[in-house]
N, C-alpha and C. Protein backbone atom coordinates (compact mmCIF):
# COMPACT_ATOMS: atom_id res chain seq x y z
N MET A 1 46.63 39.64 -27.10
CA MET A 1 47.24 40.61 -26.27
C MET A 1 48.21 39.63 -25.93
N VAL A 2 49.00 40.49 -25.08
CA VAL A 2 50.69 39.78 -24.55
C VAL A 2 50.46 40.01 -23.31
N PHE A 3 50.22 38.49 -22.05
CA PHE A 3 50.23 38.62 -20.95
C PHE A 3 51.83 39.19 -20.31
N GLU A 4 51.92 39.70 -19.21
CA GLU A 4 53.02 38.98 -18.75
C GLU A 4 53.20 37.97 -17.88
N PRO A 5 54.18 37.38 -17.72
CA PRO A 5 54.18 36.32 -16.81
C PRO A 5 54.22 36.30 -15.19
N THR A 6 53.46 36.00 -14.03
CA THR A 6 53.45 36.16 -12.95
C THR A 6 54.85 35.82 -12.25
N ARG A 7 55.71 34.92 -13.16
CA ARG A 7 56.88 35.22 -12.59
C ARG A 7 57.69 35.76 -13.04
N LYS A 8 58.54 36.54 -12.37
CA LYS A 8 59.25 37.63 -13.75
C LYS A 8 60.41 36.82 -14.13
N LYS A 9 61.01 35.76 -13.72
CA LYS A 9 62.37 35.48 -14.20
C LYS A 9 61.56 34.28 -16.08
N CYS A 10 60.12 34.10 -16.00
CA CYS A 10 59.96 33.64 -16.84
C CYS A 10 59.79 34.61 -18.56
N ILE A 11 60.24 36.25 -18.01
CA ILE A 11 60.56 36.59 -19.08
C ILE A 11 61.46 36.38 -19.96
N VAL A 12 61.07 36.31 -21.22
CA VAL A 12 62.02 35.78 -22.40
C VAL A 12 62.59 37.52 -23.16
N SER A 13 61.95 38.14 -22.96
CA SER A 13 61.98 39.11 -23.90
C SER A 13 60.56 40.29 -23.67
N SER A 14 61.39 41.93 -23.76
CA SER A 14 60.00 42.98 -23.05
C SER A 14 59.60 43.39 -24.58
N GLU A 15 59.98 42.90 -25.61
CA GLU A 15 59.98 43.58 -26.56
C GLU A 15 59.67 42.39 -28.16
N PHE A 16 58.79 42.28 -28.59
CA PHE A 16 57.69 41.68 -29.57
C PHE A 16 57.76 42.51 -30.88
N PRO A 17 58.19 41.40 -31.99
CA PRO A 17 58.36 42.07 -33.07
C PRO A 17 56.84 42.23 -33.52
N LEU A 18 56.45 43.05 -34.51
CA LEU A 18 55.65 43.85 -35.25
C LEU A 18 54.77 42.30 -35.43
N PHE A 19 53.39 42.39 -35.21
CA PHE A 19 52.35 41.40 -36.04
C PHE A 19 52.00 42.19 -37.02
N LYS A 20 51.67 41.22 -38.39
CA LYS A 20 50.06 41.84 -39.82
C LYS A 20 49.97 41.06 -39.67
N ILE A 21 48.43 41.14 -40.02
CA ILE A 21 47.54 40.66 -40.60
C ILE A 21 46.75 41.55 -41.59
N ASP A 22 47.49 40.65 -43.09
CA ASP A 22 46.95 41.92 -44.56
C ASP A 22 47.08 43.12 -44.30
N GLU A 23 48.65 43.07 -44.23
CA GLU A 23 49.18 44.38 -44.81
C GLU A 23 48.54 45.17 -43.16
N ALA A 24 47.71 44.97 -42.29
CA ALA A 24 47.44 45.71 -41.09
C ALA A 24 48.69 45.48 -39.90
N THR A 25 49.06 46.52 -39.38
CA THR A 25 49.63 45.89 -37.92
C THR A 25 49.05 45.89 -36.95
N VAL A 26 49.12 44.95 -36.50
CA VAL A 26 48.59 44.60 -35.27
C VAL A 26 49.36 45.51 -34.04
N LYS A 27 48.11 45.98 -32.54
CA LYS A 27 48.57 47.02 -32.19
C LYS A 27 48.79 46.35 -30.42
N PHE A 28 50.29 46.85 -29.69
CA PHE A 28 50.63 45.89 -28.54
C PHE A 28 49.97 47.57 -27.80
N VAL A 29 49.35 46.88 -26.65
CA VAL A 29 48.52 47.83 -26.07
C VAL A 29 48.18 47.19 -24.23
N ASP A 30 48.22 48.14 -23.69
CA ASP A 30 48.42 47.45 -22.70
C ASP A 30 46.62 47.37 -21.68
N HIS A 31 45.80 47.39 -21.96
CA HIS A 31 44.55 46.73 -21.93
C HIS A 31 43.51 47.12 -23.08
N PHE A 32 42.02 46.45 -23.18
CA PHE A 32 41.24 46.20 -24.25
C PHE A 32 40.02 46.21 -23.69
N LYS A 33 38.78 46.48 -24.07
CA LYS A 33 37.74 46.46 -24.04
C LYS A 33 36.66 45.29 -24.40
N TYR A 34 36.44 44.28 -23.25
CA TYR A 34 36.07 42.78 -24.99
C TYR A 34 34.72 42.63 -23.86
N PHE A 35 33.61 43.01 -24.55
CA PHE A 35 32.25 42.78 -24.09
C PHE A 35 32.28 43.95 -22.80
N GLY A 36 32.32 44.77 -23.08
CA GLY A 36 32.12 46.13 -21.52
C GLY A 36 33.19 45.61 -20.44
N HIS A 37 33.63 44.41 -20.44
CA HIS A 37 34.84 44.73 -19.39
C HIS A 37 36.59 44.84 -20.28
N PHE A 38 37.03 45.57 -19.24
CA PHE A 38 38.62 45.54 -19.68
C PHE A 38 39.35 44.64 -18.79
N ILE A 39 40.19 43.80 -20.26
CA ILE A 39 41.31 43.27 -19.73
C ILE A 39 42.48 44.04 -19.49
N THR A 40 43.18 43.54 -19.09
CA THR A 40 44.25 44.05 -19.00
C THR A 40 45.38 43.07 -19.19
N ASN A 41 46.50 43.88 -19.21
CA ASN A 41 48.34 42.74 -19.53
C ASN A 41 48.43 42.14 -18.00
N ASP A 42 47.89 42.83 -17.20
CA ASP A 42 48.93 42.46 -15.95
C ASP A 42 47.61 41.95 -14.79
N MET A 43 46.43 41.62 -16.14
CA MET A 43 45.55 40.98 -15.03
C MET A 43 44.20 41.45 -13.96
N SER A 44 44.99 42.16 -14.03
CA SER A 44 43.68 43.21 -12.65
C SER A 44 42.51 43.83 -13.03
N ASP A 45 41.63 44.14 -12.17
CA ASP A 45 40.31 43.79 -12.51
C ASP A 45 40.32 45.32 -12.44
N ASP A 46 41.01 46.57 -11.61
CA ASP A 46 41.15 47.72 -11.30
C ASP A 46 40.53 48.89 -12.28
N ARG A 47 41.00 48.41 -13.45
CA ARG A 47 40.28 49.78 -14.13
C ARG A 47 38.72 49.56 -14.82
N ASP A 48 38.80 48.24 -14.80
CA ASP A 48 36.87 48.06 -15.25
C ASP A 48 36.23 48.19 -13.84
N THR A 49 36.09 48.38 -12.41
CA THR A 49 35.97 48.89 -11.35
C THR A 49 36.31 50.52 -11.39
N GLN A 50 37.24 51.13 -11.64
CA GLN A 50 37.05 52.18 -12.45
C GLN A 50 36.05 52.82 -13.46
N ARG A 51 36.04 51.44 -13.76
CA ARG A 51 34.54 52.00 -15.44
C ARG A 51 33.57 51.99 -14.22
N GLU A 52 33.06 51.36 -14.08
CA GLU A 52 31.59 51.26 -13.42
C GLU A 52 31.70 52.26 -12.18
N VAL A 53 32.71 52.53 -11.65
CA VAL A 53 32.50 53.51 -10.69
C VAL A 53 31.82 54.90 -11.75
N GLN A 54 32.65 55.29 -12.51
CA GLN A 54 32.36 56.49 -13.75
C GLN A 54 31.55 55.90 -14.30
N ASN A 55 30.72 54.53 -14.54
CA ASN A 55 29.20 54.48 -15.14
C ASN A 55 27.93 54.93 -13.85
N MET A 56 28.47 54.62 -12.93
CA MET A 56 27.11 55.19 -11.61
C MET A 56 27.20 55.86 -11.59
N PHE A 57 28.83 57.61 -11.87
CA PHE A 57 27.93 58.43 -11.04
C PHE A 57 27.20 58.62 -12.44
N THR A 58 27.93 58.45 -13.80
CA THR A 58 26.88 59.25 -15.10
C THR A 58 25.35 58.48 -15.00
N ARG A 59 25.05 57.60 -14.56
CA ARG A 59 23.43 57.01 -14.46
C ARG A 59 22.99 58.23 -13.39
N THR A 60 23.69 58.10 -12.18
CA THR A 60 23.13 58.94 -11.10
C THR A 60 22.80 60.03 -11.50
N ASN A 61 24.43 60.86 -12.06
CA ASN A 61 23.11 62.13 -12.46
C ASN A 61 22.19 62.37 -13.68
N ILE A 62 22.09 61.56 -14.17
CA ILE A 62 21.04 61.53 -15.13
C ILE A 62 19.50 61.54 -14.33
N LEU A 63 19.14 60.31 -14.14
CA LEU A 63 18.44 60.17 -13.21
C LEU A 63 17.78 61.32 -12.68
N ILE A 64 18.80 62.05 -11.94
CA ILE A 64 18.63 63.76 -10.64
C ILE A 64 18.14 64.61 -11.54
N ARG A 65 18.90 64.68 -12.73
CA ARG A 65 17.96 65.32 -13.82
C ARG A 65 17.49 65.54 -14.43
N ARG A 66 16.25 63.73 -14.88
CA ARG A 66 15.91 64.15 -14.90
C ARG A 66 14.44 63.17 -14.24
N PHE A 67 14.00 62.71 -13.00
CA PHE A 67 13.31 62.46 -12.04
C PHE A 67 14.01 63.05 -10.79
N HIS A 68 13.71 63.87 -10.59
CA HIS A 68 14.55 64.71 -9.89
C HIS A 68 12.69 65.05 -8.54
N LYS A 69 12.19 64.97 -9.65
CA LYS A 69 10.62 65.36 -8.78
C LYS A 69 9.57 64.25 -8.88
N CYS A 70 10.08 63.23 -8.65
CA CYS A 70 8.96 61.48 -8.54
C CYS A 70 9.12 61.65 -6.93
N SER A 71 8.37 60.34 -6.37
CA SER A 71 8.29 60.35 -4.90
C SER A 71 9.32 59.02 -4.78
N PHE A 72 9.57 59.08 -3.00
CA PHE A 72 11.07 58.26 -3.19
C PHE A 72 10.49 56.78 -3.86
N PHE A 73 9.45 56.46 -3.82
CA PHE A 73 9.46 54.84 -4.02
C PHE A 73 9.32 54.90 -5.67
N VAL A 74 9.40 55.51 -6.06
CA VAL A 74 9.57 55.61 -7.75
C VAL A 74 11.21 56.15 -8.34
N LYS A 75 11.75 56.66 -6.94
CA LYS A 75 12.98 57.19 -7.78
C LYS A 75 13.80 56.18 -7.34
N LEU A 76 13.57 54.82 -5.85
CA LEU A 76 14.27 53.78 -5.76
C LEU A 76 13.82 52.37 -6.68
N LYS A 77 13.05 52.73 -7.55
CA LYS A 77 13.07 51.62 -8.89
C LYS A 77 13.97 51.82 -9.86
N LEU A 78 13.48 53.17 -10.33
CA LEU A 78 14.66 54.27 -10.83
C LEU A 78 15.85 53.96 -10.88
N PHE A 79 16.25 54.23 -9.60
CA PHE A 79 18.03 54.13 -9.20
C PHE A 79 17.79 51.81 -9.40
N LYS A 80 16.95 51.18 -8.57
CA LYS A 80 17.44 49.74 -9.21
C LYS A 80 17.84 49.65 -10.53
N ALA A 81 16.83 49.81 -11.05
CA ALA A 81 17.14 49.07 -12.29
C ALA A 81 18.20 49.70 -13.08
N TYR A 82 18.88 51.40 -13.10
CA TYR A 82 19.38 52.21 -13.90
C TYR A 82 21.23 51.87 -13.25
N CYS A 83 20.73 51.92 -11.74
CA CYS A 83 22.14 52.25 -11.20
C CYS A 83 22.90 51.48 -10.81
N LEU A 84 22.11 50.13 -10.02
CA LEU A 84 22.40 48.64 -10.10
C LEU A 84 22.79 47.79 -11.02
N CYS A 85 22.94 47.43 -12.35
CA CYS A 85 23.10 47.12 -13.21
C CYS A 85 24.89 46.76 -13.33
N LEU A 86 24.96 45.86 -12.75
CA LEU A 86 26.31 45.29 -12.39
C LEU A 86 26.75 44.25 -12.91
N TYR A 87 26.69 43.61 -13.71
CA TYR A 87 26.47 42.44 -14.72
C TYR A 87 28.08 41.91 -14.72
N ASP A 88 28.97 42.37 -14.40
CA ASP A 88 29.92 41.87 -15.04
C ASP A 88 30.87 41.83 -13.89
N VAL A 89 30.33 42.17 -12.41
CA VAL A 89 31.38 42.17 -11.61
C VAL A 89 30.89 40.45 -10.83
N ALA A 90 31.03 40.04 -11.21
CA ALA A 90 31.65 38.53 -10.80
C ALA A 90 32.39 38.62 -11.33
N LEU A 91 33.05 38.71 -13.37
CA LEU A 91 33.96 37.94 -12.94
C LEU A 91 35.11 39.13 -12.45
N TRP A 92 35.07 39.76 -11.48
CA TRP A 92 36.76 40.07 -10.73
C TRP A 92 37.14 39.62 -9.95
N SER A 93 38.03 39.76 -9.77
CA SER A 93 38.86 38.65 -8.97
C SER A 93 40.09 39.00 -8.23
N HIS A 94 41.29 39.94 -9.48
CA HIS A 94 42.07 40.30 -8.85
C HIS A 94 42.32 42.11 -8.63
N PHE A 95 42.22 42.61 -7.57
CA PHE A 95 41.63 44.77 -7.80
C PHE A 95 42.28 44.40 -6.43
N LYS A 96 42.90 45.86 -6.31
CA LYS A 96 42.60 46.59 -4.95
C LYS A 96 41.98 47.13 -4.20
N ALA A 97 42.37 46.64 -3.00
CA ALA A 97 41.06 47.09 -1.89
C ALA A 97 41.25 48.25 -1.82
N GLY A 98 41.60 48.89 -2.46
CA GLY A 98 41.21 50.91 -3.13
C GLY A 98 40.16 51.15 -3.99
N SER A 99 40.49 50.42 -5.11
CA SER A 99 39.74 50.25 -6.05
C SER A 99 37.86 49.34 -5.79
N LEU A 100 37.94 48.71 -4.80
CA LEU A 100 36.73 47.92 -4.37
C LEU A 100 35.87 50.01 -2.97
N LEU A 101 36.94 50.03 -2.26
CA LEU A 101 36.50 51.21 -1.51
C LEU A 101 36.28 52.33 -2.49
N LYS A 102 36.67 53.21 -3.65
CA LYS A 102 35.95 53.88 -4.56
C LYS A 102 34.70 53.97 -5.05
N LEU A 103 34.97 51.52 -5.41
CA LEU A 103 33.13 51.85 -5.82
C LEU A 103 32.25 51.72 -4.50
N GLN A 104 32.68 51.68 -3.19
CA GLN A 104 31.70 51.18 -2.31
C GLN A 104 31.08 53.06 -1.94
N PHE A 105 32.20 53.88 -1.60
CA PHE A 105 32.32 55.29 -1.82
C PHE A 105 31.59 55.99 -2.87
N CYS A 106 30.99 55.61 -4.20
CA CYS A 106 30.92 55.75 -5.12
C CYS A 106 28.99 55.48 -4.92
N TYR A 107 28.96 53.86 -4.48
CA TYR A 107 27.41 53.99 -4.29
C TYR A 107 27.21 54.74 -3.44
N HIS A 108 27.30 54.91 -2.43
CA HIS A 108 27.29 55.81 -1.17
C HIS A 108 26.70 56.90 -1.28
N ASN A 109 28.40 57.70 -1.98
CA ASN A 109 27.70 59.03 -2.75
C ASN A 109 26.24 59.35 -3.47
N CYS A 110 26.07 58.51 -4.39
CA CYS A 110 25.34 58.55 -5.29
C CYS A 110 24.16 58.17 -4.54
N ILE A 111 24.01 57.42 -3.76
CA ILE A 111 22.58 57.44 -2.66
C ILE A 111 21.72 58.96 -2.24
N LYS A 112 23.10 59.30 -1.81
CA LYS A 112 23.02 60.97 -1.22
C LYS A 112 22.52 61.36 -1.68
N LEU A 113 23.16 61.54 -2.81
CA LEU A 113 22.80 62.66 -4.25
C LEU A 113 21.31 62.78 -4.14
N TYR A 114 21.45 60.82 -5.12
CA TYR A 114 20.00 61.38 -6.01
C TYR A 114 18.60 60.80 -4.77
N PHE A 115 18.88 60.50 -3.46
CA PHE A 115 17.61 60.96 -2.59
C PHE A 115 17.15 61.80 -1.81
N LEU A 116 18.60 62.94 -1.68
CA LEU A 116 18.59 63.33 -0.28
C LEU A 116 18.54 65.11 -1.11
N ILE A 117 18.67 64.81 -2.06
CA ILE A 117 18.90 66.33 -3.09
C ILE A 117 16.55 67.05 -2.96
N GLN A 118 16.44 67.79 -2.54
CA GLN A 118 14.77 67.65 -2.81
C GLN A 118 14.96 69.82 -3.56
N THR A 119 14.40 69.44 -4.73
CA THR A 119 14.21 70.76 -5.37
C THR A 119 12.60 71.05 -5.78
């Protein structure tokens, strides 16, 4: 992946020649998933926070569908085990405040959905 320099005056060229490895052309991308963590060419973690929001909603919906009749304490254990596995959060260093607010909003919504739904 080619990263843009932080100082714009250091940009030599905005286009690069094609790279080939054994007749295969290497693609230029603006983001790449590496060990579950999104790396972007602008070194921002916003895409990874977006991925984590989607994963939390997905996991919460699965728990709601499968364990909606369990007791509060069982639900609490399940939620902690499956929805709070944020192993790559420690890698986040450059993100917009809005991305973090979306994650916080998602967390609160997931708690409300999971613990307040009674069937």
